[in-house]
Amino acid sequence: MTKHQEELKKRILVPASKLPKIAQGESLKERDDFKESVQWRIFRIMAEFVDGFEFLSDFKKSVTFFGSARTIPSNPYYQEAKKLAKMLADENFAVFSGGGPGIMEAANRGAYESKKGDSVGLNIQLKYEQRINDYIKKAMGFHYFFTRKIMLSYSAQAYIFFPGGFGTLDEFFEILTLIQTEKMPQYIPIVCVGNDYWKPFAKWIEETVYQHYKFIDKKDEDLYHLVDSAEEAFEIIKKSRTRDDVNY
């Protein structure tokens, strides 16, 4: 556990007896522990947002990797993610991941092996341990998945998607929607690595979502890039702009 995480734990993981009482100074008599209350959850959510944004403010040039936690080190995608992360770290990018295994580990591992950029993990605190890989230099743990999710998608200047399951696709569509609706700048690249995985997906978007149902505009398909190697992804990302819409 890092010093930052220890300080966070001291602030929010305090005995119920030390927490503020509810309105008008009355305690929650019907509950055995204040931490079971809505008030406690709101307090903890606020703390995670404040500390999360403070943590992110130290990184002005960063990319975020997404992909399956089930990807093993011998998988070619693991190796490409590791290679790409090292290339980016060598260019002083901070490499962010969810801090877990698979593609997340590969990204952190590549950055860890670089002598320049930071390897950063935003992980989930489980009941008895933190789900964190061995290649992280800086980390922050989150109790709530949704606060961690916002931090992963908040301030990067590029988003990199390797093949993955529902979680990866959930992140992909959320970030794509934010860029499509201009809640995030449209100059931010979304890079999908792995043509054998992403091309059938892009074909479905083109033929079913756009051509058949007209649920999107043709220009929406230009919001993401399909590549097949770390080198192709690197050429796109190294030209990306530093985010100018983020005010910490």
C-alpha atoms as a PDB file:
ATOM      1  CA  MET A   1       0.000   0.000   0.000  1.00  0.00           C
ATOM      2  CA  THR A   2       1.384   3.399  -1.021  1.00  0.00           C
ATOM      3  CA  LYS A   3       1.611   6.448   1.240  1.00  0.00           C
ATOM      4  CA  HIS A   4      -1.237   8.057  -0.710  1.00  0.00           C
ATOM      5  CA  GLN A   5      -3.449   5.010  -0.184  1.00  0.00           C
ATOM      6  CA  GLU A   6      -2.594   4.911   3.529  1.00  0.00           C
ATOM      7  CA  GLU A   7      -3.605   8.562   3.889  1.00  0.00           C
ATOM      8  CA  LEU A   8      -6.844   7.895   2.001  1.00  0.00           C
ATOM      9  CA  LYS A   9      -7.608   4.924   4.214  1.00  0.00           C
ATOM     10  CA  LYS A  10      -7.083   7.018   7.347  1.00  0.00           C
ATOM     11  CA  ARG A  11      -9.520   9.621   6.045  1.00  0.00           C
ATOM     12  CA  ILE A  12     -12.378   7.387   4.936  1.00  0.00           C
ATOM     13  CA  LEU A  13     -11.960   4.056   6.715  1.00  0.00           C
ATOM     14  CA  VAL A  14     -12.594   5.444  10.188  1.00  0.00           C
ATOM     15  CA  PRO A  15     -14.600   3.920  13.040  1.00  0.00           C
ATOM     16  CA  ALA A  16     -18.300   4.583  12.843  1.00  0.00           C
ATOM     17  CA  SER A  17     -18.123   6.315  16.239  1.00  0.00           C
ATOM     18  CA  LYS A  18     -15.980   9.068  14.734  1.00  0.00           C
ATOM     19  CA  LEU A  19     -18.272   9.818  11.816  1.00  0.00           C
ATOM     20  CA  PRO A  20     -20.605  12.839  11.920  1.00  0.00           C
ATOM     21  CA  LYS A  21     -24.154  12.296  13.100  1.00  0.00           C
ATOM     22  CA  ILE A  22     -27.085  12.792  10.784  1.00  0.00           C
ATOM     23  CA  ALA A  23     -29.235  15.907  10.724  1.00  0.00           C
ATOM     24  CA  GLN A  24     -30.155  17.498  14.078  1.00  0.00           C
ATOM     25  CA  GLY A  25     -27.507  15.477  15.889  1.00  0.00           C
ATOM     26  CA  GLU A  26     -29.496  12.241  15.976  1.00  0.00           C
ATOM     27  CA  SER A  27     -27.864   8.881  15.419  1.00  0.00           C
ATOM     28  CA  LEU A  28     -29.257   6.150  13.192  1.00  0.00           C
ATOM     29  CA  LYS A  29     -30.762   3.979  15.943  1.00  0.00           C
ATOM     30  CA  GLU A  30     -32.135   1.442  13.502  1.00  0.00           C
ATOM     31  CA  ARG A  31     -28.634   0.642  12.170  1.00  0.00           C
ATOM     32  CA  ASP A  32     -25.781  -1.062  13.999  1.00  0.00           C
ATOM     33  CA  ASP A  33     -23.082   0.705  11.957  1.00  0.00           C
ATOM     34  CA  PHE A  34     -23.095   4.157  10.365  1.00  0.00           C
ATOM     35  CA  LYS A  35     -21.181   2.676   7.405  1.00  0.00           C
ATOM     36  CA  GLU A  36     -24.382   0.883   6.377  1.00  0.00           C
ATOM     37  CA  SER A  37     -26.156   4.209   5.830  1.00  0.00           C
ATOM     38  CA  VAL A  38     -26.692   6.340   2.751  1.00  0.00           C
ATOM     39  CA  GLN A  39     -24.880   9.208   4.483  1.00  0.00           C
ATOM     40  CA  TRP A  40     -21.749   7.103   4.829  1.00  0.00           C
ATOM     41  CA  ARG A  41     -21.826   6.095   1.175  1.00  0.00           C
ATOM     42  CA  ILE A  42     -22.177   9.719   0.044  1.00  0.00           C
ATOM     43  CA  PHE A  43     -19.254  10.717   2.227  1.00  0.00           C
ATOM     44  CA  ARG A  44     -17.102   7.931   0.869  1.00  0.00           C
ATOM     45  CA  ILE A  45     -18.045   8.626  -2.765  1.00  0.00           C
ATOM     46  CA  MET A  46     -17.142  12.306  -2.326  1.00  0.00           C
ATOM     47  CA  ALA A  47     -13.798  11.353  -0.804  1.00  0.00           C
ATOM     48  CA  GLU A  48     -12.985   9.046  -3.714  1.00  0.00           C
ATOM     49  CA  PHE A  49     -13.798  11.730  -6.272  1.00  0.00           C
ATOM     50  CA  VAL A  50     -11.755  14.410  -4.490  1.00  0.00           C
ATOM     51  CA  ASP A  51      -8.743  12.171  -4.009  1.00  0.00           C
ATOM     52  CA  GLY A  52      -9.050  10.706  -7.478  1.00  0.00           C
ATOM     53  CA  PHE A  53      -8.982  14.085  -9.222  1.00  0.00           C
ATOM     54  CA  GLU A  54      -6.113  15.184  -6.995  1.00  0.00           C
ATOM     55  CA  PHE A  55      -4.186  12.038  -7.913  1.00  0.00           C
ATOM     56  CA  LEU A  56      -4.785  12.545 -11.656  1.00  0.00           C
ATOM     57  CA  SER A  57      -3.611  16.156 -11.542  1.00  0.00           C
ATOM     58  CA  ASP A  58       0.003  14.963 -11.313  1.00  0.00           C
ATOM     59  CA  PHE A  59      -0.142  13.473 -14.825  1.00  0.00           C
ATOM     60  CA  LYS A  60      -0.362  15.931 -17.713  1.00  0.00           C
ATOM     61  CA  LYS A  61       0.453  13.520 -20.539  1.00  0.00           C
ATOM     62  CA  SER A  62      -1.208  10.139 -20.249  1.00  0.00           C
ATOM     63  CA  VAL A  63      -2.869   7.270 -22.111  1.00  0.00           C
ATOM     64  CA  THR A  64      -5.264   4.647 -20.801  1.00  0.00           C
ATOM     65  CA  PHE A  65      -5.206   0.970 -21.778  1.00  0.00           C
ATOM     66  CA  PHE A  66      -8.253  -1.298 -21.779  1.00  0.00           C
ATOM     67  CA  GLY A  67      -8.522  -4.996 -22.587  1.00  0.00           C
ATOM     68  CA  SER A  68      -9.315  -8.413 -21.214  1.00  0.00           C
ATOM     69  CA  ALA A  69      -8.057  -9.385 -17.778  1.00  0.00           C
ATOM     70  CA  ARG A  70      -7.936 -12.964 -19.080  1.00  0.00           C
ATOM     71  CA  THR A  71      -5.168 -12.317 -21.609  1.00  0.00           C
ATOM     72  CA  ILE A  72      -2.149 -14.461 -20.674  1.00  0.00           C
ATOM     73  CA  PRO A  73       1.489 -13.393 -21.181  1.00  0.00           C
ATOM     74  CA  SER A  74       2.006 -15.793 -24.117  1.00  0.00           C
ATOM     75  CA  ASN A  75      -0.893 -14.215 -26.023  1.00  0.00           C
ATOM     76  CA  PRO A  76       0.232 -11.978 -28.939  1.00  0.00           C
ATOM     77  CA  TYR A  77      -2.067  -9.201 -27.710  1.00  0.00           C
ATOM     78  CA  TYR A  78      -0.320  -9.204 -24.336  1.00  0.00           C
ATOM     79  CA  GLN A  79       3.005  -8.796 -26.115  1.00  0.00           C
ATOM     80  CA  GLU A  80       1.712  -5.986 -28.355  1.00  0.00           C
ATOM     81  CA  ALA A  81       0.229  -4.137 -25.373  1.00  0.00           C
ATOM     82  CA  LYS A  82       3.505  -4.447 -23.503  1.00  0.00           C
ATOM     83  CA  LYS A  83       5.471  -3.210 -26.524  1.00  0.00           C
ATOM     84  CA  LEU A  84       3.136  -0.264 -27.124  1.00  0.00           C
ATOM     85  CA  ALA A  85       3.192   0.770 -23.477  1.00  0.00           C
ATOM     86  CA  LYS A  86       6.988   0.806 -23.428  1.00  0.00           C
ATOM     87  CA  MET A  87       7.105   2.857 -26.641  1.00  0.00           C
ATOM     88  CA  LEU A  88       4.728   5.404 -25.123  1.00  0.00           C
ATOM     89  CA  ALA A  89       6.498   5.500 -21.766  1.00  0.00           C
ATOM     90  CA  ASP A  90       9.785   6.107 -23.599  1.00  0.00           C
ATOM     91  CA  GLU A  91       8.065   9.233 -24.987  1.00  0.00           C
ATOM     92  CA  ASN A  92       7.211  10.336 -21.424  1.00  0.00           C
ATOM     93  CA  PHE A  93       3.575   9.246 -21.467  1.00  0.00           C
ATOM     94  CA  ALA A  94       2.129   8.033 -18.184  1.00  0.00           C
ATOM     95  CA  VAL A  95       0.503   4.665 -18.866  1.00  0.00           C
ATOM     96  CA  PHE A  96      -2.755   4.055 -16.993  1.00  0.00           C
ATOM     97  CA  SER A  97      -4.617   0.798 -16.544  1.00  0.00           C
ATOM     98  CA  GLY A  98      -7.164  -0.709 -14.194  1.00  0.00           C
ATOM     99  CA  GLY A  99      -4.260  -2.243 -12.297  1.00  0.00           C
ATOM    100  CA  GLY A 100      -5.294  -5.867 -12.736  1.00  0.00           C
ATOM    101  CA  PRO A 101      -4.032  -8.826 -14.777  1.00  0.00           C
ATOM    102  CA  GLY A 102      -4.114  -9.482 -18.527  1.00  0.00           C
ATOM    103  CA  ILE A 103      -3.860  -6.475 -20.841  1.00  0.00           C
ATOM    104  CA  MET A 104      -3.729  -4.206 -17.802  1.00  0.00           C
ATOM    105  CA  GLU A 105      -0.657  -6.029 -16.540  1.00  0.00           C
ATOM    106  CA  ALA A 106       0.912  -5.980 -20.006  1.00  0.00           C
ATOM    107  CA  ALA A 107       0.489  -2.196 -20.236  1.00  0.00           C
ATOM    108  CA  ASN A 108       1.913  -1.600 -16.778  1.00  0.00           C
ATOM    109  CA  ARG A 109       4.730  -4.034 -17.445  1.00  0.00           C
ATOM    110  CA  GLY A 110       5.792  -2.247 -20.626  1.00  0.00           C
ATOM    111  CA  ALA A 111       5.759   1.135 -18.888  1.00  0.00           C
ATOM    112  CA  TYR A 112       7.548  -0.325 -15.873  1.00  0.00           C
ATOM    113  CA  GLU A 113      10.404  -1.482 -18.069  1.00  0.00           C
ATOM    114  CA  SER A 114      10.831   2.026 -19.472  1.00  0.00           C
ATOM    115  CA  LYS A 115      13.123   4.459 -17.701  1.00  0.00           C
ATOM    116  CA  LYS A 116      10.842   7.421 -18.394  1.00  0.00           C
ATOM    117  CA  GLY A 117       7.030   7.390 -18.199  1.00  0.00           C
ATOM    118  CA  ASP A 118       5.027   6.328 -15.157  1.00  0.00           C
ATOM    119  CA  SER A 119       3.226   3.016 -14.808  1.00  0.00           C
ATOM    120  CA  VAL A 120      -0.047   3.807 -13.042  1.00  0.00           C
ATOM    121  CA  GLY A 121      -2.804   1.563 -11.736  1.00  0.00           C
ATOM    122  CA  LEU A 122      -6.307   2.561 -10.664  1.00  0.00           C
ATOM    123  CA  ASN A 123      -7.438  -0.577  -8.939  1.00  0.00           C
ATOM    124  CA  ILE A 124     -10.343  -1.882  -6.903  1.00  0.00           C
ATOM    125  CA  GLN A 125      -9.987  -2.543  -3.182  1.00  0.00           C
ATOM    126  CA  LEU A 126     -11.452  -5.933  -2.377  1.00  0.00           C
ATOM    127  CA  LYS A 127     -12.481  -7.046   1.098  1.00  0.00           C
ATOM    128  CA  TYR A 128      -9.159  -8.587   2.072  1.00  0.00           C
ATOM    129  CA  GLU A 129      -6.741  -7.439  -0.651  1.00  0.00           C
ATOM    130  CA  GLN A 130      -6.192  -5.136  -3.587  1.00  0.00           C
ATOM    131  CA  ARG A 131      -6.391  -6.574  -7.105  1.00  0.00           C
ATOM    132  CA  ILE A 132      -3.170  -5.096  -8.400  1.00  0.00           C
ATOM    133  CA  ASN A 133      -0.397  -6.375 -10.673  1.00  0.00           C
ATOM    134  CA  ASP A 134       3.334  -6.309  -9.927  1.00  0.00           C
ATOM    135  CA  TYR A 135       4.365  -3.667 -12.468  1.00  0.00           C
ATOM    136  CA  ILE A 136       2.830  -0.507 -11.064  1.00  0.00           C
ATOM    137  CA  LYS A 137       4.926   2.421  -9.861  1.00  0.00           C
ATOM    138  CA  LYS A 138       2.044   4.621  -8.702  1.00  0.00           C
ATOM    139  CA  ALA A 139      -1.443   3.545  -7.722  1.00  0.00           C
ATOM    140  CA  MET A 140      -4.713   4.517  -6.173  1.00  0.00           C
ATOM    141  CA  GLY A 141      -7.295   2.074  -4.859  1.00  0.00           C
ATOM    142  CA  PHE A 142     -11.048   2.616  -5.154  1.00  0.00           C
ATOM    143  CA  HIS A 143     -13.912   1.093  -3.213  1.00  0.00           C
ATOM    144  CA  TYR A 144     -16.518   1.884  -5.873  1.00  0.00           C
ATOM    145  CA  PHE A 145     -16.258   0.639  -9.441  1.00  0.00           C
ATOM    146  CA  PHE A 146     -18.038   3.675 -10.862  1.00  0.00           C
ATOM    147  CA  THR A 147     -15.660   6.238  -9.330  1.00  0.00           C
ATOM    148  CA  ARG A 148     -12.695   4.259 -10.624  1.00  0.00           C
ATOM    149  CA  LYS A 149     -14.332   4.060 -14.052  1.00  0.00           C
ATOM    150  CA  ILE A 150     -14.668   7.835 -14.231  1.00  0.00           C
ATOM    151  CA  MET A 151     -11.016   8.290 -13.294  1.00  0.00           C
ATOM    152  CA  LEU A 152      -9.914   5.849 -15.999  1.00  0.00           C
ATOM    153  CA  SER A 153     -11.859   7.773 -18.631  1.00  0.00           C
ATOM    154  CA  TYR A 154     -11.366  11.309 -17.344  1.00  0.00           C
ATOM    155  CA  SER A 155      -8.114  12.863 -18.459  1.00  0.00           C
ATOM    156  CA  ALA A 156      -6.148  10.709 -20.912  1.00  0.00           C
ATOM    157  CA  GLN A 157      -5.212  12.219 -24.263  1.00  0.00           C
ATOM    158  CA  ALA A 158      -5.661   8.852 -25.989  1.00  0.00           C
ATOM    159  CA  TYR A 159      -7.574   5.643 -25.243  1.00  0.00           C
ATOM    160  CA  ILE A 160      -6.228   2.254 -26.335  1.00  0.00           C
ATOM    161  CA  PHE A 161      -8.479  -0.789 -26.610  1.00  0.00           C
ATOM    162  CA  PHE A 162      -7.181  -4.299 -26.965  1.00  0.00           C
ATOM    163  CA  PRO A 163      -9.602  -7.228 -27.366  1.00  0.00           C
ATOM    164  CA  GLY A 164     -11.735  -7.825 -24.315  1.00  0.00           C
ATOM    165  CA  GLY A 165     -15.110  -8.787 -22.942  1.00  0.00           C
ATOM    166  CA  PHE A 166     -18.122  -6.886 -21.652  1.00  0.00           C
ATOM    167  CA  GLY A 167     -16.061  -4.580 -19.433  1.00  0.00           C
ATOM    168  CA  THR A 168     -13.811  -3.525 -22.306  1.00  0.00           C
ATOM    169  CA  LEU A 169     -16.773  -2.961 -24.619  1.00  0.00           C
ATOM    170  CA  ASP A 170     -18.584  -1.018 -21.900  1.00  0.00           C
ATOM    171  CA  GLU A 171     -15.613   1.347 -21.578  1.00  0.00           C
ATOM    172  CA  PHE A 172     -15.307   1.590 -25.368  1.00  0.00           C
ATOM    173  CA  PHE A 173     -18.924   2.637 -25.907  1.00  0.00           C
ATOM    174  CA  GLU A 174     -18.932   5.040 -22.975  1.00  0.00           C
ATOM    175  CA  ILE A 175     -15.858   6.917 -24.189  1.00  0.00           C
ATOM    176  CA  LEU A 176     -17.063   6.764 -27.796  1.00  0.00           C
ATOM    177  CA  THR A 177     -20.418   8.252 -26.746  1.00  0.00           C
ATOM    178  CA  LEU A 178     -18.753  11.041 -24.752  1.00  0.00           C
ATOM    179  CA  ILE A 179     -16.661  11.972 -27.780  1.00  0.00           C
ATOM    180  CA  GLN A 180     -19.575  11.622 -30.219  1.00  0.00           C
ATOM    181  CA  THR A 181     -21.692  13.985 -28.098  1.00  0.00           C
ATOM    182  CA  GLU A 182     -18.717  16.341 -27.630  1.00  0.00           C
ATOM    183  CA  LYS A 183     -18.672  15.936 -23.876  1.00  0.00           C
ATOM    184  CA  MET A 184     -15.041  15.089 -24.577  1.00  0.00           C
ATOM    185  CA  PRO A 185     -13.079  16.681 -27.453  1.00  0.00           C
ATOM    186  CA  GLN A 186     -13.318  14.908 -30.792  1.00  0.00           C
ATOM    187  CA  TYR A 187      -9.582  15.242 -31.349  1.00  0.00           C
ATOM    188  CA  ILE A 188      -8.961  12.546 -28.715  1.00  0.00           C
ATOM    189  CA  PRO A 189      -8.024   9.304 -30.507  1.00  0.00           C
ATOM    190  CA  ILE A 190      -9.631   5.983 -29.690  1.00  0.00           C
ATOM    191  CA  VAL A 191      -7.291   3.273 -30.965  1.00  0.00           C
ATOM    192  CA  CYS A 192      -8.470  -0.328 -31.278  1.00  0.00           C
ATOM    193  CA  VAL A 193      -5.611  -2.803 -31.638  1.00  0.00           C
ATOM    194  CA  GLY A 194      -6.218  -6.171 -33.309  1.00  0.00           C
ATOM    195  CA  ASN A 195      -7.940  -6.371 -36.699  1.00  0.00           C
ATOM    196  CA  ASP A 196      -9.116  -9.954 -36.292  1.00  0.00           C
ATOM    197  CA  TYR A 197     -11.113  -8.886 -33.228  1.00  0.00           C
ATOM    198  CA  TRP A 198     -12.208  -5.376 -34.159  1.00  0.00           C
ATOM    199  CA  LYS A 199     -12.889  -5.629 -37.927  1.00  0.00           C
ATOM    200  CA  PRO A 200     -15.994  -7.865 -37.577  1.00  0.00           C
ATOM    201  CA  PHE A 201     -17.207  -5.465 -34.905  1.00  0.00           C
ATOM    202  CA  ALA A 202     -16.605  -2.446 -37.185  1.00  0.00           C
ATOM    203  CA  LYS A 203     -18.386  -4.275 -40.020  1.00  0.00           C
ATOM    204  CA  TRP A 204     -21.436  -4.732 -37.796  1.00  0.00           C
ATOM    205  CA  ILE A 205     -21.366  -1.038 -36.922  1.00  0.00           C
ATOM    206  CA  GLU A 206     -21.144  -0.137 -40.626  1.00  0.00           C
ATOM    207  CA  GLU A 207     -23.677  -2.553 -42.077  1.00  0.00           C
ATOM    208  CA  THR A 208     -26.214  -2.920 -39.275  1.00  0.00           C
ATOM    209  CA  VAL A 209     -26.065   0.156 -37.063  1.00  0.00           C
ATOM    210  CA  TYR A 210     -25.357   2.689 -39.844  1.00  0.00           C
ATOM    211  CA  GLN A 211     -26.558   1.329 -43.199  1.00  0.00           C
ATOM    212  CA  HIS A 212     -29.556  -0.737 -42.132  1.00  0.00           C
ATOM    213  CA  TYR A 213     -30.915   1.116 -39.104  1.00  0.00           C
ATOM    214  CA  LYS A 214     -29.401   4.604 -39.563  1.00  0.00           C
ATOM    215  CA  PHE A 215     -28.832   4.835 -35.822  1.00  0.00           C
ATOM    216  CA  ILE A 216     -25.544   6.749 -36.259  1.00  0.00           C
ATOM    217  CA  ASP A 217     -24.067   9.144 -38.794  1.00  0.00           C
ATOM    218  CA  LYS A 218     -21.364   8.041 -41.221  1.00  0.00           C
ATOM    219  CA  LYS A 219     -18.875  10.446 -39.602  1.00  0.00           C
ATOM    220  CA  ASP A 220     -19.303   8.664 -36.258  1.00  0.00           C
ATOM    221  CA  GLU A 221     -17.294   5.754 -37.658  1.00  0.00           C
ATOM    222  CA  ASP A 222     -14.304   8.078 -37.926  1.00  0.00           C
ATOM    223  CA  LEU A 223     -14.175   8.530 -34.156  1.00  0.00           C
ATOM    224  CA  TYR A 224     -12.119   5.369 -33.674  1.00  0.00           C
ATOM    225  CA  HIS A 225      -9.100   3.870 -35.431  1.00  0.00           C
ATOM    226  CA  LEU A 226      -8.485   0.193 -36.182  1.00  0.00           C
ATOM    227  CA  VAL A 227      -4.846  -0.911 -36.245  1.00  0.00           C
ATOM    228  CA  ASP A 228      -3.052  -4.228 -36.108  1.00  0.00           C
ATOM    229  CA  SER A 229       0.234  -3.467 -34.364  1.00  0.00           C
ATOM    230  CA  ALA A 230       1.870  -1.446 -31.616  1.00  0.00           C
ATOM    231  CA  GLU A 231       3.743   0.548 -34.239  1.00  0.00           C
ATOM    232  CA  GLU A 232       0.556   1.646 -36.026  1.00  0.00           C
ATOM    233  CA  ALA A 233      -1.061   2.623 -32.741  1.00  0.00           C
ATOM    234  CA  PHE A 234       2.039   4.532 -31.666  1.00  0.00           C
ATOM    235  CA  GLU A 235       2.035   6.627 -34.857  1.00  0.00           C
ATOM    236  CA  ILE A 236      -1.506   7.807 -34.077  1.00  0.00           C
ATOM    237  CA  ILE A 237      -1.022   8.387 -30.365  1.00  0.00           C
ATOM    238  CA  LYS A 238       2.276  10.263 -30.561  1.00  0.00           C
ATOM    239  CA  LYS A 239       0.488  12.942 -32.628  1.00  0.00           C
ATOM    240  CA  SER A 240      -2.317  13.335 -30.084  1.00  0.00           C
ATOM    241  CA  ARG A 241      -2.921  16.638 -28.364  1.00  0.00           C
ATOM    242  CA  THR A 242      -2.648  17.294 -24.659  1.00  0.00           C
ATOM    243  CA  ARG A 243      -6.145  17.623 -23.222  1.00  0.00           C
ATOM    244  CA  ASP A 244      -7.179  21.270 -22.914  1.00  0.00           C
ATOM    245  CA  ASP A 245     -10.678  20.607 -21.585  1.00  0.00           C
ATOM    246  CA  VAL A 246      -9.621  19.243 -18.186  1.00  0.00           C
ATOM    247  CA  ASN A 247      -9.629  21.631 -15.273  1.00  0.00           C
ATOM    248  CA  TYR A 248      -8.656  19.945 -12.017  1.00  0.00           C
END
